[in-house]
Protein backbone atom coordinates (compact mmCIF):
# COMPACT_ATOMS: atom_id res chain seq x y z
CA MET A 1 -77.59 42.71 -21.73
CA THR A 2 -78.54 44.40 -18.47
CA ASN A 3 -78.20 42.08 -15.48
CA LEU A 4 -81.54 42.25 -13.67
CA SER A 5 -80.12 40.80 -10.43
CA ASN A 6 -77.57 43.59 -10.16
CA LEU A 7 -80.16 46.17 -11.18
CA ALA A 8 -82.52 44.94 -8.46
CA LYS A 9 -79.88 45.49 -5.78
CA LYS A 10 -79.12 48.97 -7.09
CA LYS A 11 -82.78 50.02 -7.31
CA LYS A 12 -83.92 48.10 -4.20
CA ILE A 13 -86.38 45.99 -6.17
CA LYS A 14 -87.76 43.01 -4.22
CA TYR A 15 -90.11 41.55 -6.83
CA PHE A 16 -90.51 41.61 -10.61
CA LEU A 17 -93.73 41.35 -12.59
CA ILE A 18 -92.76 39.37 -15.69
CA SER A 19 -95.66 40.20 -17.95
CA PHE A 20 -97.08 39.94 -21.44
CA ILE A 21 -100.38 40.76 -23.08
CA ASP A 22 -102.29 38.27 -25.18
CA PHE A 23 -104.32 38.82 -28.35
CA PHE A 24 -107.21 40.33 -26.39
CA GLY A 25 -104.92 42.78 -24.61
CA VAL A 26 -105.21 41.05 -21.23
CA LEU A 27 -102.14 41.75 -19.09
CA ARG A 28 -100.76 38.46 -17.76
CA ALA A 29 -97.93 38.23 -15.24
CA LYS A 30 -95.98 36.23 -12.68
CA LEU A 31 -94.64 37.86 -9.54
CA VAL A 32 -91.01 36.77 -9.21
CA PRO A 33 -88.79 37.42 -6.16
CA THR A 34 -85.48 39.06 -6.90
CA GLN A 35 -83.65 35.96 -5.71
CA ALA A 36 -85.07 34.05 -8.71
CA ILE A 37 -84.75 36.70 -11.41
CA LYS A 38 -81.33 35.50 -12.65
CA ASP A 39 -82.77 32.19 -13.81
CA MET A 40 -85.94 33.82 -15.11
CA GLN A 41 -83.94 36.27 -17.20
CA LYS A 42 -82.02 33.38 -18.73
CA GLU A 43 -84.78 30.78 -19.10
CA GLY A 44 -88.01 32.79 -19.02
CA ALA A 45 -91.15 32.51 -16.91
CA GLY A 46 -93.46 29.65 -17.92
CA PHE A 47 -97.13 30.16 -18.77
CA GLY A 48 -99.78 27.81 -20.09
CA GLY A 49 -100.68 29.38 -23.43
CA PHE A 50 -104.14 27.80 -23.46
CA ALA A 51 -104.98 29.75 -20.27
CA ALA A 52 -104.52 33.04 -22.15
CA TYR A 53 -105.95 34.28 -25.46
CA LEU A 54 -103.17 32.79 -27.59
CA ASP A 55 -104.91 30.05 -29.64
CA MET A 56 -102.89 27.19 -28.15
CA PRO A 57 -104.17 23.76 -27.08
CA PRO A 58 -103.82 22.68 -23.43
CA SER A 59 -101.42 19.95 -24.59
CA ASP A 60 -98.79 22.48 -25.66
CA PRO A 61 -95.72 22.96 -23.47
CA ASP A 62 -95.34 26.21 -21.56
CA VAL A 63 -94.72 29.39 -23.44
CA LEU A 64 -91.74 31.20 -21.94
CA ALA A 65 -91.99 34.92 -21.26
CA MET A 66 -88.49 36.30 -21.82
CA PRO A 67 -88.29 39.65 -20.00
CA ASP A 68 -86.91 42.66 -21.84
CA PRO A 69 -84.61 44.54 -19.39
CA ASN A 70 -84.97 47.71 -21.47
CA SER A 71 -88.69 47.81 -20.65
CA LEU A 72 -88.18 47.87 -16.86
CA ILE A 73 -90.50 50.25 -14.98
CA GLN A 74 -90.54 50.45 -11.20
CA LEU A 75 -94.09 50.87 -9.96
CA PRO A 76 -94.03 54.47 -8.70
CA TRP A 77 -96.68 53.70 -6.10
CA LYS A 78 -94.85 50.47 -5.07
CA PRO A 79 -91.18 50.92 -6.04
CA GLU A 80 -90.09 47.60 -4.58
CA VAL A 81 -91.83 46.02 -7.62
CA GLY A 82 -90.37 46.22 -11.12
CA TRP A 83 -92.54 45.64 -14.21
CA LEU A 84 -91.06 43.95 -17.29
CA ALA A 85 -92.60 43.52 -20.73
CA SER A 86 -91.75 40.15 -22.23
CA ASP A 87 -91.53 38.34 -25.56
CA LEU A 88 -93.09 34.89 -25.78
CA TRP A 89 -91.04 31.87 -26.88
CA ILE A 90 -91.88 28.20 -27.45
CA HIS A 91 -89.79 25.33 -28.84
CA GLY A 92 -86.74 27.57 -28.78
CA LYS A 93 -88.15 30.33 -30.99
CA PRO A 94 -90.46 33.36 -30.67
CA VAL A 95 -94.21 32.80 -30.76
CA GLU A 96 -95.17 34.36 -34.09
CA ALA A 97 -98.80 34.76 -33.05
CA SER A 98 -98.13 36.98 -30.02
CA PRO A 99 -98.56 40.76 -30.09
CA ARG A 100 -95.14 42.05 -28.95
CA VAL A 101 -93.33 39.60 -31.22
CA MET A 102 -95.56 40.71 -34.10
CA LEU A 103 -94.63 44.35 -33.52
CA LYS A 104 -90.91 43.59 -33.32
CA LYS A 105 -91.15 41.76 -36.64
CA GLN A 106 -92.64 44.87 -38.28
CA ILE A 107 -90.02 47.10 -36.65
CA LYS A 108 -87.36 44.87 -38.20
CA SER A 109 -88.99 45.13 -41.63
CA LEU A 110 -89.12 48.90 -41.34
CA GLY A 111 -85.53 48.96 -40.14
CA GLN A 112 -84.41 47.20 -43.31
CA LYS A 113 -85.47 50.39 -45.09
CA LYS A 114 -83.42 52.38 -42.56
CA MET A 115 -86.49 53.94 -40.99
CA PHE A 116 -88.22 53.77 -37.63
CA LEU A 117 -91.67 54.78 -36.43
CA GLN A 118 -92.10 57.49 -33.83
CA SER A 119 -95.55 57.51 -32.29
CA GLY A 120 -97.62 58.87 -29.47
CA VAL A 121 -101.02 57.71 -28.22
CA GLU A 122 -103.95 59.55 -26.65
CA CYS A 123 -105.72 57.15 -24.28
CA GLU A 124 -109.19 58.20 -23.18
CA TYR A 125 -110.81 56.60 -20.15
CA PHE A 126 -113.81 56.96 -17.85
CA LEU A 127 -113.74 57.09 -14.07
CA ILE A 128 -116.77 55.08 -12.98
CA ASN A 129 -118.21 53.47 -9.87
CA GLN A 130 -116.98 50.03 -8.84
CA GLU A 131 -120.06 48.33 -10.27
CA GLY A 132 -119.58 49.94 -13.70
CA THR A 133 -123.12 51.29 -13.77
CA SER A 134 -122.44 55.04 -13.73
CA ILE A 135 -119.66 57.61 -13.76
CA ALA A 136 -117.90 58.21 -10.44
CA ASP A 137 -118.63 61.94 -10.22
CA LYS A 138 -122.36 62.43 -9.83
CA ASN A 139 -121.92 66.19 -10.27
CA ASP A 140 -120.39 65.80 -13.73
CA ILE A 141 -123.61 66.48 -15.62
CA ALA A 142 -122.84 69.33 -18.04
CA ALA A 143 -124.32 69.06 -21.52
CA LYS A 144 -120.95 70.13 -22.99
CA PRO A 145 -118.46 68.68 -20.49
CA CYS A 146 -115.31 68.78 -22.64
CA TYR A 147 -112.48 70.73 -20.93
CA ASP A 148 -114.75 71.39 -17.95
CA GLN A 149 -112.37 72.82 -15.33
CA SER A 150 -114.59 72.10 -12.33
CA ALA A 151 -115.14 68.47 -13.32
CA LEU A 152 -111.41 68.09 -13.98
CA MET A 153 -110.45 69.50 -10.59
CA ARG A 154 -112.94 67.34 -8.72
CA GLN A 155 -110.78 64.40 -9.86
CA TYR A 156 -107.54 66.32 -9.23
CA ASP A 157 -106.12 63.85 -6.71
CA ILE A 158 -106.33 60.94 -9.16
CA ILE A 159 -105.16 62.90 -12.21
CA LYS A 160 -102.30 64.51 -10.28
CA GLU A 161 -101.07 61.20 -8.88
CA ILE A 162 -100.97 59.57 -12.32
CA CYS A 163 -99.32 62.62 -13.91
CA ASP A 164 -96.75 62.85 -11.10
CA TYR A 165 -95.82 59.24 -11.72
CA MET A 166 -95.40 59.85 -15.46
CA LEU A 167 -93.14 62.81 -14.64
CA GLN A 168 -91.17 60.58 -12.29
CA LEU A 169 -90.81 57.94 -15.02
CA GLY A 170 -89.52 60.50 -17.51
CA TRP A 171 -92.37 60.14 -20.00
CA GLY A 172 -92.77 63.88 -20.44
CA PRO A 173 -96.50 64.31 -19.77
CA TYR A 174 -97.62 67.72 -20.94
CA GLN A 175 -101.39 68.02 -20.52
CA ASN A 176 -104.40 66.44 -18.84
CA ASP A 177 -108.01 67.26 -19.63
CA HIS A 178 -111.63 66.37 -19.14
CA GLU A 179 -112.84 64.87 -22.40
CA ASP A 180 -116.10 65.10 -24.33
CA ALA A 181 -118.18 62.72 -22.21
CA ASN A 182 -119.17 63.17 -18.60
CA GLY A 183 -116.66 61.31 -16.45
CA GLN A 184 -114.11 60.98 -19.27
CA PHE A 185 -110.46 62.04 -19.21
CA GLU A 186 -107.33 62.05 -21.35
CA MET A 187 -103.64 62.40 -20.43
CA ASN A 188 -100.92 63.07 -23.00
CA TRP A 189 -97.20 62.31 -22.84
CA ASN A 190 -94.33 62.68 -25.31
CA PHE A 191 -93.98 60.49 -28.38
CA ALA A 192 -91.16 57.93 -28.62
CA ASN A 193 -90.10 54.98 -30.75
CA CYS A 194 -93.10 52.74 -31.33
CA LEU A 195 -91.96 49.81 -29.13
CA GLU A 196 -91.36 52.12 -26.19
CA THR A 197 -94.72 53.79 -26.80
CA ALA A 198 -96.46 50.41 -26.91
CA ASP A 199 -94.81 49.26 -23.66
CA ARG A 200 -95.76 52.56 -22.01
CA HIS A 201 -99.31 52.24 -23.35
CA VAL A 202 -99.62 48.83 -21.68
CA PHE A 203 -98.23 50.13 -18.41
CA PHE A 204 -100.33 53.32 -18.55
CA LYS A 205 -103.57 51.35 -18.62
CA PHE A 206 -102.38 49.21 -15.70
CA MET A 207 -101.30 52.30 -13.77
CA VAL A 208 -104.54 54.23 -14.35
CA ARG A 209 -106.65 51.27 -13.19
CA SER A 210 -104.43 50.73 -10.15
CA ILE A 211 -104.50 54.37 -9.04
CA ALA A 212 -108.25 54.62 -9.59
CA GLU A 213 -108.73 51.57 -7.34
CA ARG A 214 -106.60 53.21 -4.65
CA HIS A 215 -109.06 56.12 -4.70
CA GLY A 216 -112.12 53.88 -4.47
CA VAL A 217 -113.28 54.18 -8.08
CA ARG A 218 -112.77 52.24 -11.30
CA ALA A 219 -111.17 53.27 -14.58
CA THR A 220 -112.35 51.83 -17.88
CA PHE A 221 -110.99 52.12 -21.41
CA MET A 222 -114.06 50.32 -22.81
CA PRO A 223 -114.93 51.79 -26.24
CA LYS A 224 -118.56 52.60 -25.40
CA PRO A 225 -119.49 51.99 -21.75
CA PHE A 226 -122.51 54.32 -21.94
CA ALA A 227 -124.82 54.37 -24.97
CA ASN A 228 -125.54 58.12 -24.86
CA LYS A 229 -122.00 59.31 -24.18
CA THR A 230 -118.95 59.79 -26.40
CA GLY A 231 -116.81 56.64 -26.49
CA ASN A 232 -113.17 56.08 -25.57
CA GLY A 233 -110.78 56.61 -28.44
CA CYS A 234 -107.06 55.90 -28.61
CA HIS A 235 -105.71 58.16 -31.34
CA ALA A 236 -102.13 57.75 -32.57
CA HIS A 237 -99.82 60.45 -33.92
CA ILE A 238 -97.23 58.97 -36.25
CA SER A 239 -94.16 59.87 -38.29
CA LEU A 240 -91.18 58.04 -39.81
CA TRP A 241 -87.59 59.01 -39.02
CA ASN A 242 -84.12 57.90 -40.02
CA LYS A 243 -81.06 57.29 -37.85
CA SER A 244 -79.91 60.85 -38.43
CA LYS A 245 -83.07 61.98 -36.60
CA LYS A 246 -84.59 63.44 -39.72
CA ASN A 247 -88.38 63.48 -39.92
CA LEU A 248 -89.11 61.71 -43.22
CA PHE A 249 -92.75 62.84 -43.19
CA LEU A 250 -91.88 66.53 -43.26
CA ASN A 251 -92.22 68.69 -46.38
CA LYS A 252 -92.70 72.37 -45.59
CA ASN A 253 -93.61 73.12 -49.19
CA ASP A 254 -96.64 70.82 -49.19
CA GLN A 255 -100.14 72.14 -48.48
CA LEU A 256 -100.43 69.90 -45.41
CA GLY A 257 -96.71 69.78 -44.62
CA LEU A 258 -96.30 66.13 -45.65
CA SER A 259 -93.76 64.39 -47.87
CA ASN A 260 -94.54 61.93 -50.66
CA LEU A 261 -93.36 59.16 -48.31
CA ALA A 262 -95.94 60.28 -45.73
CA TYR A 263 -98.71 60.22 -48.34
CA ASN A 264 -97.68 56.73 -49.48
CA PHE A 265 -97.64 55.54 -45.86
CA MET A 266 -101.07 57.11 -45.33
CA GLY A 267 -102.26 55.53 -48.58
CA GLY A 268 -101.34 52.12 -47.23
CA ILE A 269 -103.37 52.70 -44.08
CA ILE A 270 -106.34 53.94 -46.10
CA ASN A 271 -106.06 50.92 -48.40
CA SER A 272 -106.19 48.49 -45.44
CA ALA A 273 -108.49 50.49 -43.16
CA GLU A 274 -111.38 48.01 -43.18
CA ALA A 275 -109.12 45.08 -42.26
CA LEU A 276 -107.29 47.10 -39.60
CA THR A 277 -110.56 47.70 -37.76
CA ALA A 278 -110.42 44.05 -36.64
CA TRP A 279 -107.42 45.05 -34.50
CA PHE A 280 -108.05 48.74 -33.95
CA ASN A 281 -111.71 48.23 -32.99
CA PRO A 282 -111.47 44.68 -31.66
CA THR A 283 -114.63 44.17 -29.60
CA ILE A 284 -118.34 43.85 -30.22
CA ASN A 285 -118.77 47.05 -28.21
CA SER A 286 -116.32 48.92 -30.49
CA TYR A 287 -118.91 49.26 -33.26
CA LYS A 288 -121.17 51.29 -31.01
CA ARG A 289 -118.45 53.95 -31.02
CA ILE A 290 -117.39 54.22 -34.68
CA ASN A 291 -120.94 53.89 -35.97
CA ALA A 292 -122.70 55.74 -33.19
CA PRO A 293 -125.63 58.14 -33.38
CA VAL A 294 -125.12 61.68 -32.08
CA THR A 295 -124.18 61.59 -28.41
CA HIS A 296 -125.28 63.69 -25.45
CA SER A 297 -122.53 66.25 -26.17
CA GLY A 298 -123.52 66.62 -29.83
CA ALA A 299 -120.73 64.69 -31.62
CA THR A 300 -119.22 61.19 -31.53
CA TRP A 301 -115.65 62.34 -32.35
CA SER A 302 -115.12 59.00 -34.09
CA PRO A 303 -115.01 58.24 -37.82
CA ASN A 304 -117.27 56.06 -39.94
CA THR A 305 -115.72 56.84 -43.34
CA VAL A 306 -112.18 56.38 -44.66
CA THR A 307 -111.04 59.95 -45.36
CA TYR A 308 -108.31 62.40 -44.40
CA SER A 309 -108.14 66.16 -44.00
CA ASP A 310 -106.23 68.98 -42.38
CA ASN A 311 -106.82 69.90 -38.73
CA ASN A 312 -110.37 68.49 -38.85
CA ARG A 313 -111.43 65.94 -36.24
CA THR A 314 -114.39 64.57 -38.23
CA HIS A 315 -112.09 62.45 -40.44
CA MET A 316 -110.37 59.12 -39.88
CA ILE A 317 -107.00 60.79 -40.45
CA ARG A 318 -106.25 64.34 -39.31
CA VAL A 319 -103.13 66.32 -40.20
CA PRO A 320 -102.80 68.70 -37.24
CA GLY A 321 -99.40 70.05 -38.28
CA SER A 322 -96.43 69.50 -40.58
CA GLY A 323 -94.51 66.23 -40.51
CA ARG A 324 -97.03 63.94 -38.84
CA PHE A 325 -100.61 62.78 -38.98
CA GLU A 326 -103.12 61.50 -36.48
CA LEU A 327 -104.99 58.23 -36.99
CA ARG A 328 -108.31 58.50 -35.14
CA LEU A 329 -109.70 55.06 -35.85
CA MET A 330 -108.56 53.14 -32.76
CA ASP A 331 -110.57 52.82 -29.56
CA GLY A 332 -109.65 52.11 -25.94
CA ALA A 333 -109.79 48.33 -26.37
CA VAL A 334 -107.02 48.29 -28.99
CA ASN A 335 -104.06 46.02 -28.22
CA PRO A 336 -101.10 48.44 -27.82
CA TYR A 337 -98.73 46.21 -29.82
CA LEU A 338 -101.20 45.42 -32.61
CA LEU A 339 -101.91 49.14 -32.90
CA GLN A 340 -98.29 49.90 -33.76
CA ALA A 341 -97.76 46.69 -35.76
CA GLY A 342 -100.83 47.29 -37.91
CA ILE A 343 -99.77 50.85 -38.67
CA ILE A 344 -96.31 49.74 -39.78
CA ALA A 345 -97.54 46.79 -41.87
CA ALA A 346 -100.14 48.85 -43.75
CA GLY A 347 -97.80 51.80 -44.10
CA LEU A 348 -94.98 49.66 -45.47
CA ASP A 349 -97.37 48.25 -48.05
CA GLY A 350 -98.23 51.82 -49.00
CA ILE A 351 -94.55 52.71 -49.43
CA GLU A 352 -93.66 49.60 -51.40
CA ASN A 353 -96.63 49.96 -53.74
CA LYS A 354 -96.62 53.78 -53.83
CA ARG A 355 -100.25 53.89 -52.77
CA LYS A 356 -102.01 57.24 -52.99
CA PRO A 357 -104.44 58.35 -50.28
CA GLY A 358 -106.53 60.36 -52.74
CA LYS A 359 -107.33 64.01 -52.25
CA PRO A 360 -108.00 65.48 -48.80
CA VAL A 361 -111.62 66.24 -48.01
CA PHE A 362 -112.25 69.66 -46.47
CA LEU A 363 -115.74 69.06 -45.10
CA ASN A 364 -117.48 68.38 -41.80
CA MET A 365 -117.98 64.63 -42.28
CA TYR A 366 -120.61 64.45 -39.57
CA GLU A 367 -122.92 66.73 -41.56
CA GLU A 368 -121.64 66.88 -45.14
CA SER A 369 -120.41 63.39 -46.01
CA HIS A 370 -123.27 63.05 -48.52
CA LYS A 371 -121.48 65.61 -50.71
CA VAL A 372 -118.61 63.18 -51.41
CA LYS A 373 -119.27 60.28 -53.78
CA ASN A 374 -117.91 56.72 -53.50
CA LEU A 375 -116.50 57.05 -50.00
CA LYS A 376 -115.18 53.90 -48.36
CA LYS A 377 -117.18 53.07 -45.27
CA LEU A 378 -115.81 51.43 -42.14
CA PRO A 379 -117.26 48.04 -41.13
CA LEU A 380 -120.49 48.15 -39.20
CA SER A 381 -119.72 45.19 -36.92
CA LEU A 382 -116.96 42.96 -35.61
CA PRO A 383 -117.91 40.02 -37.89
CA GLU A 384 -117.65 42.33 -40.90
CA SER A 385 -114.22 43.60 -39.86
CA LEU A 386 -112.99 40.05 -39.20
CA ASN A 387 -114.03 39.13 -42.73
CA PHE A 388 -111.95 42.01 -44.08
CA LEU A 389 -108.98 40.85 -42.01
CA GLU A 390 -109.32 37.26 -43.18
CA ASN A 391 -109.24 38.40 -46.81
CA SER A 392 -106.52 41.04 -46.44
CA ASN A 393 -103.59 40.13 -48.66
CA VAL A 394 -101.56 42.91 -47.05
CA LEU A 395 -101.91 41.76 -43.44
CA ASN A 396 -101.74 38.04 -44.25
CA LYS A 397 -98.48 38.66 -46.08
CA ALA A 398 -97.06 40.86 -43.31
CA PHE A 399 -97.88 38.59 -40.37
CA GLY A 400 -98.45 35.17 -41.89
CA LYS A 401 -101.74 33.41 -42.49
CA ASN A 402 -101.36 31.21 -39.40
CA THR A 403 -101.02 34.26 -37.15
CA ILE A 404 -104.08 35.93 -38.69
CA ASN A 405 -106.04 32.70 -38.36
CA SER A 406 -105.13 32.45 -34.67
CA TYR A 407 -106.62 35.87 -34.04
CA LEU A 408 -109.72 35.07 -36.10
CA THR A 409 -110.25 31.80 -34.22
CA LEU A 410 -110.22 33.54 -30.85
CA ARG A 411 -112.49 36.40 -31.90
CA ASN A 412 -114.99 34.10 -33.62
CA ARG A 413 -115.10 32.00 -30.46
CA GLU A 414 -115.91 35.17 -28.52
CA LEU A 415 -118.68 36.01 -30.98
CA GLU A 416 -120.23 32.61 -30.35
CA ASN A 417 -120.17 33.25 -26.59
CA TYR A 418 -121.90 36.58 -27.16
CA LYS A 419 -124.61 34.98 -29.31
CA LYS A 420 -125.28 32.34 -26.64
CA SER A 421 -125.73 35.08 -24.05
CA GLU A 422 -127.45 37.85 -26.00
CA GLY A 423 -128.76 36.36 -29.23
CA SER A 424 -128.59 38.93 -32.03
CA PHE A 425 -126.42 42.05 -32.03
CA LYS A 426 -128.06 44.90 -30.10
CA PRO A 427 -126.87 48.19 -31.63
CA ASP A 428 -128.75 50.58 -29.36
CA VAL A 429 -127.86 49.27 -25.89
CA VAL A 430 -124.72 48.34 -24.02
CA THR A 431 -125.42 44.80 -22.84
CA GLU A 432 -124.38 43.16 -19.59
CA TRP A 433 -122.25 40.74 -21.62
CA GLU A 434 -120.34 43.67 -23.10
CA LYS A 435 -119.76 45.21 -19.69
CA ASN A 436 -118.65 41.92 -18.15
CA ASN A 437 -116.25 41.25 -21.01
CA THR A 438 -115.03 44.74 -21.94
CA LEU A 439 -115.05 47.09 -18.92
CA ASP A 440 -111.53 45.93 -18.03
CA CYS A 441 -110.22 45.71 -21.60
């Protein structure tokens, strides 16, 4: 194992952020001086689990965040600080109901079949004012703002700084664009193994927020911060590979370029889609994105039915090219580790049970969905998706009933807080409660 003390001397690191994210995706950390990292690497950094979203009583002993040296990222804007993703332990064993541990369990299960998941994510975000009441660029008012060069270049200093840092970190960023809503952006970097992608996803959100703050604005990944604008998605491109670096999803003779394994994996995701929304669309605000009316730009770019197609963005699953597919269900509030873990668990179920995804649908689902009979619909609300998760045999088997119950307990508690503040669900407005609880998701 890499010795962090020696690495700190070599890289001139003065402090380490030993961090983890809880069930709600909140990034927790302790700032540890290099002089103390030797003991922390061996024994872990202690946290009160009750103080985070981990479904633990205050009487529990500390959970120990055991830093993963392979995850080390020096903050490009503050290189004397090194960031470390961590696995949570308690009573001498990993905390089963913690997101990074859950992902590693699924990676192990997939590895037993001599396969690993390669994935890439597309994280959309808004640049807004500090108060969260409007977008930062008051001149970004075009009716069709997607790919708007002028609006992109007005935020050049922020976009460039973030992209430069990703280049410096070796992530292989390859494009940045203005997205479909006013004030909305997306930055793409190369795919990698799913644990590395998840760690980078966590750090990317932290980095974007930090750089935005340095420029006097605020970045938000909130699914639907503005009722009349397209929401923030977090699409994932996925494929399975073996140790010989062969893409197991590739079949050049297939109409869509996919193998039988890929269709089985996709079939598993389609089979569990309603339950997965509890993780992939985890907030009350999420259901104003996937079940939204037409936005200012003319399209929501988010699904509300469980279908797949070729290079057609109106479906939940898009096959943009041979050997991979894009899952468009997730939004900006998704927990990076539960995103990858949920994909693997559902996909493995599809492989083991040879699930079929059905036939592809070659229609514009925003205008022609009525032509297809007996389509599965996505849940209309968080309570509905939580009910699907609670009753999902697939996910309960993959993660354990206690782990699923921990997540349900925390989300149901949040729903009660919302009801006390707002009363009934308000589908047509973004409430102050949602902003206060989701702008920094």
